[in-house]
Structure formats: C-alpha cells, structure tokens
Protein backbone atom coordinates (compact mmCIF):
# COMPACT_ATOMS: atom_id res chain seq x y z
CA MET A 1 -36.25 60.30 -206.00
CA THR A 2 -39.65 59.96 -207.71
CA ALA A 3 -43.21 60.84 -206.95
CA SER A 4 -43.96 57.14 -206.65
CA VAL A 5 -41.90 56.75 -203.48
CA THR A 6 -44.42 56.48 -200.67
CA ALA A 7 -43.17 54.78 -197.55
CA TYR A 8 -39.60 55.76 -196.76
CA ARG A 9 -38.57 56.23 -193.13
CA GLU A 10 -35.28 57.38 -191.62
CA LEU A 11 -34.27 56.76 -188.03
CA PRO A 12 -31.34 58.35 -186.18
CA PRO A 13 -28.40 56.03 -185.54
CA PRO A 14 -27.45 54.85 -182.06
CA ARG A 15 -25.36 57.55 -180.40
CA ALA A 16 -22.20 55.44 -180.50
CA LEU A 17 -22.50 55.15 -184.28
CA ALA A 18 -23.38 58.78 -185.03
CA PRO A 19 -19.81 59.67 -186.12
CA VAL A 20 -19.91 57.11 -188.95
CA VAL A 21 -23.62 56.47 -189.62
CA ALA A 22 -25.96 59.09 -191.08
CA CYS A 23 -29.17 57.15 -190.48
CA LEU A 24 -30.97 53.82 -190.43
CA TRP A 25 -33.80 53.53 -192.94
CA GLU A 26 -36.65 51.41 -194.23
CA HIS A 27 -38.44 51.64 -197.53
CA ASP A 28 -41.62 49.93 -198.71
CA LEU A 29 -42.21 49.61 -202.44
CA ALA A 30 -45.54 48.48 -203.84
CA PRO A 31 -45.51 45.97 -206.73
CA GLY A 32 -44.18 47.58 -209.89
CA GLN A 33 -43.25 50.80 -208.11
CA GLU A 34 -40.12 52.68 -209.16
CA GLN A 35 -37.64 54.79 -207.22
CA ARG A 36 -35.02 57.09 -208.70
CA ILE A 37 -31.86 57.06 -206.59
CA VAL A 38 -29.41 59.91 -207.08
CA PRO A 39 -25.87 60.38 -205.75
CA ASP A 40 -25.56 61.57 -202.15
CA GLY A 41 -21.90 60.88 -201.28
CA CYS A 42 -22.87 57.93 -199.08
CA VAL A 43 -22.44 54.15 -199.09
CA ASP A 44 -25.24 51.96 -197.72
CA LEU A 45 -25.45 48.45 -196.35
CA VAL A 46 -28.80 47.18 -197.57
CA ARG A 47 -30.96 44.09 -197.25
CA LEU A 48 -32.33 44.00 -200.78
CA GLU A 49 -34.68 41.24 -201.95
CA GLY A 50 -33.38 38.93 -199.27
CA GLU A 51 -29.71 39.58 -200.05
CA LEU A 52 -27.34 41.71 -197.99
CA VAL A 53 -25.42 44.06 -200.28
CA VAL A 54 -23.07 47.01 -200.17
CA VAL A 55 -24.46 49.83 -202.30
CA GLY A 56 -21.45 51.84 -203.38
CA ALA A 57 -21.38 55.60 -203.91
CA ASP A 58 -23.21 56.35 -207.15
CA THR A 59 -21.95 58.81 -209.74
CA GLY A 60 -25.22 58.83 -211.69
CA PRO A 61 -28.89 57.92 -211.31
CA VAL A 62 -30.19 54.44 -210.61
CA VAL A 63 -33.85 53.53 -211.08
CA ALA A 64 -34.95 50.65 -208.86
CA ARG A 65 -38.19 48.81 -209.61
CA ALA A 66 -40.08 46.49 -207.29
CA GLY A 67 -41.21 43.12 -208.61
CA ASP A 68 -44.80 42.21 -209.32
CA GLY A 69 -45.15 40.12 -206.16
CA PRO A 70 -46.13 41.34 -202.68
CA SER A 71 -44.92 44.72 -201.42
CA SER A 72 -41.25 44.56 -200.49
CA ARG A 73 -39.49 46.20 -197.59
CA THR A 74 -35.86 47.21 -197.87
CA SER A 75 -33.81 47.96 -194.75
CA GLY A 76 -30.49 49.77 -194.72
CA ILE A 77 -27.86 51.69 -192.85
CA ARG A 78 -26.31 54.77 -194.49
CA LEU A 79 -22.67 55.56 -193.82
CA ARG A 80 -21.56 59.16 -193.67
CA PRO A 81 -19.30 60.53 -196.42
CA GLY A 82 -15.75 59.63 -195.40
CA ALA A 83 -16.70 56.57 -193.32
CA ALA A 84 -17.19 53.90 -195.99
CA GLY A 85 -13.55 52.97 -196.55
CA ALA A 86 -12.92 52.35 -192.85
CA VAL A 87 -16.20 50.49 -192.24
CA LEU A 88 -15.82 48.26 -195.30
CA GLY A 89 -12.12 47.66 -194.76
CA LEU A 90 -11.23 48.48 -198.37
CA PRO A 91 -11.01 51.55 -200.61
CA ALA A 92 -14.57 52.73 -201.19
CA ALA A 93 -13.78 53.21 -204.89
CA GLU A 94 -13.81 49.42 -205.24
CA VAL A 95 -17.59 49.42 -204.81
CA ARG A 96 -18.35 52.69 -206.61
CA ASP A 97 -21.46 52.43 -208.82
CA GLN A 98 -21.86 48.80 -207.77
CA ARG A 99 -24.08 46.56 -205.64
CA VAL A 100 -21.74 44.01 -204.07
CA PRO A 101 -22.73 41.09 -201.79
CA LEU A 102 -21.57 41.93 -198.27
CA ALA A 103 -20.18 38.40 -197.93
CA ALA A 104 -17.60 39.33 -200.60
CA VAL A 105 -16.50 42.33 -198.54
CA TRP A 106 -16.83 40.81 -195.05
CA PRO A 107 -16.26 37.08 -195.65
CA ASP A 108 -15.92 36.49 -191.91
CA ALA A 109 -19.27 38.05 -191.00
CA GLY A 110 -21.41 38.47 -194.12
CA PRO A 111 -23.04 35.01 -194.36
CA ALA A 112 -23.93 34.79 -190.67
CA LEU A 113 -25.34 38.32 -190.69
CA ALA A 114 -27.45 37.60 -193.78
CA GLU A 115 -28.90 34.51 -192.09
CA ALA A 116 -29.75 36.46 -188.93
CA LEU A 117 -31.36 39.24 -190.97
CA ALA A 118 -33.53 36.73 -192.83
CA ALA A 119 -34.98 35.52 -189.52
CA ALA A 120 -35.50 38.99 -188.00
CA ASP A 121 -38.46 41.37 -188.17
CA ALA A 122 -38.05 44.90 -189.54
CA PRO A 123 -36.85 46.59 -186.31
CA GLY A 124 -34.59 43.63 -185.64
CA ARG A 125 -32.94 43.96 -189.04
CA LEU A 126 -31.97 47.56 -188.33
CA THR A 127 -30.58 46.54 -184.93
CA LEU A 128 -28.52 43.78 -186.54
CA LEU A 129 -27.14 46.12 -189.21
CA ALA A 130 -26.18 48.70 -186.59
CA GLY A 131 -24.49 46.04 -184.48
CA ALA A 132 -22.49 44.80 -187.47
CA VAL A 133 -21.16 48.29 -188.15
CA ARG A 134 -20.39 48.88 -184.46
CA ARG A 135 -18.26 45.73 -184.33
CA ARG A 136 -16.07 47.12 -187.11
CA ARG A 137 -14.84 49.78 -184.64
CA ALA A 138 -14.24 52.08 -187.61
CA GLU A 139 -13.54 55.79 -187.50
CA ARG A 140 -14.50 58.30 -190.15
CA ASP A 141 -11.61 59.90 -192.01
CA GLY A 142 -11.47 63.28 -190.29
CA LEU A 143 -9.75 65.00 -193.18
CA VAL A 144 -12.38 63.82 -195.65
CA ALA A 145 -15.21 64.69 -193.25
CA ALA A 146 -13.83 68.24 -193.02
CA ALA A 147 -13.43 68.42 -196.79
CA ALA A 148 -17.04 67.29 -197.31
CA ARG A 149 -18.23 70.01 -194.96
CA LEU A 150 -16.18 72.70 -196.71
CA LEU A 151 -17.18 71.49 -200.19
CA GLY A 152 -20.78 71.85 -199.07
CA GLU A 153 -20.40 75.63 -198.97
CA PRO A 154 -21.52 77.60 -202.05
CA GLY A 155 -18.59 78.67 -204.18
CA ALA A 156 -16.16 76.23 -202.56
CA ARG A 157 -13.06 75.48 -204.63
CA ILE A 158 -11.09 72.29 -204.28
CA SER A 159 -7.77 74.14 -204.28
CA ALA A 160 -8.95 76.40 -201.44
CA VAL A 161 -10.36 73.44 -199.47
CA ALA A 162 -7.08 71.54 -199.78
CA ALA A 163 -5.11 74.62 -198.70
CA ALA A 164 -7.42 75.18 -195.72
CA LEU A 165 -6.82 71.59 -194.62
CA GLY A 166 -3.06 71.85 -195.11
CA VAL A 167 -2.75 69.16 -197.78
CA SER A 168 -2.13 69.05 -201.52
CA GLU A 169 -5.00 68.61 -203.96
CA ARG A 170 -3.52 65.26 -204.96
CA HIS A 171 -3.45 64.06 -201.35
CA LEU A 172 -7.04 65.24 -200.79
CA HIS A 173 -8.16 63.45 -203.94
CA ARG A 174 -6.57 60.17 -202.89
CA ARG A 175 -8.01 60.28 -199.39
CA THR A 176 -11.47 61.19 -200.67
CA VAL A 177 -11.51 58.41 -203.28
CA ASP A 178 -10.52 55.86 -200.62
CA ALA A 179 -13.01 57.08 -198.01
CA VAL A 180 -16.00 58.09 -200.15
CA GLY A 181 -15.62 56.27 -203.44
CA TYR A 182 -15.00 59.26 -205.70
CA GLY A 183 -12.97 62.45 -205.66
CA PRO A 184 -13.61 65.99 -204.38
CA LYS A 185 -14.91 67.23 -207.74
CA THR A 186 -17.79 64.74 -207.75
CA LEU A 187 -18.39 65.32 -204.04
CA ALA A 188 -18.72 69.05 -204.75
CA ARG A 189 -21.24 68.36 -207.55
CA VAL A 190 -23.30 66.22 -205.19
CA ALA A 191 -23.21 68.97 -202.56
CA ARG A 192 -24.50 71.52 -205.10
CA LEU A 193 -27.35 69.21 -206.03
CA ARG A 194 -28.33 68.75 -202.39
CA ARG A 195 -28.23 72.54 -201.84
CA LEU A 196 -30.45 73.04 -204.89
CA VAL A 197 -33.04 70.64 -203.46
CA ALA A 198 -32.87 72.29 -200.05
CA LEU A 199 -33.50 75.72 -201.59
CA SER A 200 -36.57 74.54 -203.50
CA SER A 201 -39.95 75.33 -201.97
CA PRO A 202 -43.37 76.38 -203.27
CA GLY A 203 -43.45 80.11 -203.86
CA GLY A 204 -39.73 80.39 -203.23
CA PRO A 205 -36.97 81.92 -205.37
CA SER A 206 -36.89 81.36 -209.13
CA LEU A 207 -34.87 78.49 -210.54
CA ALA A 208 -32.21 80.94 -211.74
CA GLU A 209 -31.93 82.45 -208.25
CA ARG A 210 -31.70 79.00 -206.69
CA ALA A 211 -28.97 78.03 -209.14
CA VAL A 212 -26.83 80.99 -208.04
CA ALA A 213 -27.51 80.37 -204.33
CA ALA A 214 -26.64 76.69 -204.68
CA GLY A 215 -23.26 77.58 -206.18
CA TYR A 216 -23.74 76.97 -209.91
CA ALA A 217 -21.89 79.31 -212.25
CA SER A 218 -24.91 79.57 -214.57
CA GLN A 219 -28.19 77.90 -215.46
CA THR A 220 -26.37 75.94 -218.15
CA HIS A 221 -23.89 74.71 -215.53
CA MET A 222 -26.80 73.68 -213.29
CA SER A 223 -28.64 71.95 -216.13
CA ASP A 224 -25.58 69.96 -217.20
CA GLU A 225 -24.75 68.81 -213.66
CA VAL A 226 -28.33 67.97 -212.68
CA ARG A 227 -28.80 65.90 -215.84
CA ARG A 228 -25.52 64.09 -215.20
CA LEU A 229 -26.40 63.22 -211.61
CA THR A 230 -30.14 62.57 -211.94
CA GLY A 231 -30.90 61.78 -215.58
CA LEU A 232 -33.59 64.49 -215.55
CA THR A 233 -33.89 68.19 -216.33
CA PRO A 234 -33.66 70.43 -213.26
CA VAL A 235 -37.37 71.32 -213.48
CA ARG A 236 -38.47 67.68 -213.71
CA PHE A 237 -36.07 66.55 -211.00
CA LEU A 238 -37.15 69.25 -208.57
CA GLU A 239 -40.83 68.50 -209.26
CA ASP A 240 -40.20 64.83 -208.42
CA ALA A 241 -38.17 65.77 -205.34
CA ALA A 242 -40.98 68.01 -204.06
CA LEU A 243 -43.60 65.30 -204.57
CA THR A 244 -41.41 62.71 -202.88
CA ALA A 245 -41.01 64.92 -199.82
CA ALA A 246 -44.72 65.73 -199.61
C-alpha cells in the first residue's frame, strides 16, 4: 500500500466462486508509479505485464514499480485464505514469496489461457480468469477457513484454535501451510495487521489503544510485526494506508 496507488478496483466474484474467491480486481499504474504490497494471507492469479502468473502468499513487503512506458493495467483474481492449495493443485507453500508462471502450475491450461487473455479487453480478462478458476472445481479447506476466522479474533492463540477445531497444532500447521502457503503463526500476524488498519481512522483512538484492540501485546510487539510485514514503521505504514484508501 502506498499513497501513489490511484486506480485500484475490486469487484465481487461470481456467486458460484464466492467460497474460494475473495474478489476480482484491476489496477492501473502510471509510468514510474510504485505500489507497496503487504501480506494478506491470499494467493492471486495475475496478468502482469502480459504474463499470467501465480502470486504466492507473501511473508514480507514487495514494492512493485511500473515501467516508464504507457500506463499499465493489471488484472487479477484473489483466492481466499485456505483455497490456494486446492485451486492450484499443489501445496501453496511451493509458491510462497514467489511469482510463478501459471503455465508451470497448470501446464494443461496455462498457455491457452494466457493467449486468450492477451486478446481480451479488461472486463473479458476478469471473466476468463474467473472461468479458469471455476473449471478447477476446487473447494476451500474448511478446517483452514475456520482457523483463519478464529485467528482473526484479537487475542487468539494457536493452541486454543487447534483445540477448538479438534486437531493438534501440528496437524493445523500442516494443513495451513498446504492451503495458504504459510503456517498459523504468520496467518495470525497478518490478521493483526489487517485489524490494525481497520481500526485506524482520523480522530480515532491513539496508536497505543489501537495496538491493544488489534491484539498486540505491546507497542514494541506491534512495531516489530508491522516492520516485518510492511518494511515501514507503524506510523508511516498507517499514513500510507490512509492515503491509499482516500
């Protein structure tokens, strides 16, 4: 997230895909523009600079920069946490922190889909991406989906989440790594970051109060985690997030 992000649009997925797809999206970047991407627990299928790629779950920040040519439009489909392993047909950890050509993951469909996307307009690209995911007939890992929901609660502990779901911590870790790309501990950190952003508003609670409400043990805990996930201090990150959303 950065203040320089100007034209980002999310669209709801087709109803049939709602269990596994969080949204369809488009993003326009002007020449030389930068975007800071931070972990969100999701895997995306993205048409990026003419290439169709799988963007694995990130564990740290990525800064993308547009070229100096004409404005570029990126189209993508965002998979819900817990859906990536089934949709991709491989453990999601294999693409963690990577950008992998879809043809390497779906050799039977990737090249033909990339060719069709190259010939389509912007709305058509989103339709093609949605259709490709629908044909996978994948189902989200219900256990991991439930774990992601529980880990999204302030003060959630992995041991308590595993017990509530009737599995061992080791089993929950394995399932989460396969379905999301990383384990419950990282997923919980991402959830805290998202809560912190959601609690931030002009004239709202102080940063210390937001840290407690988001589930951080202390301001130091918040600072360390925010820096790890975003590459910025909490104050700078939240300033950028507010400007991006404006």
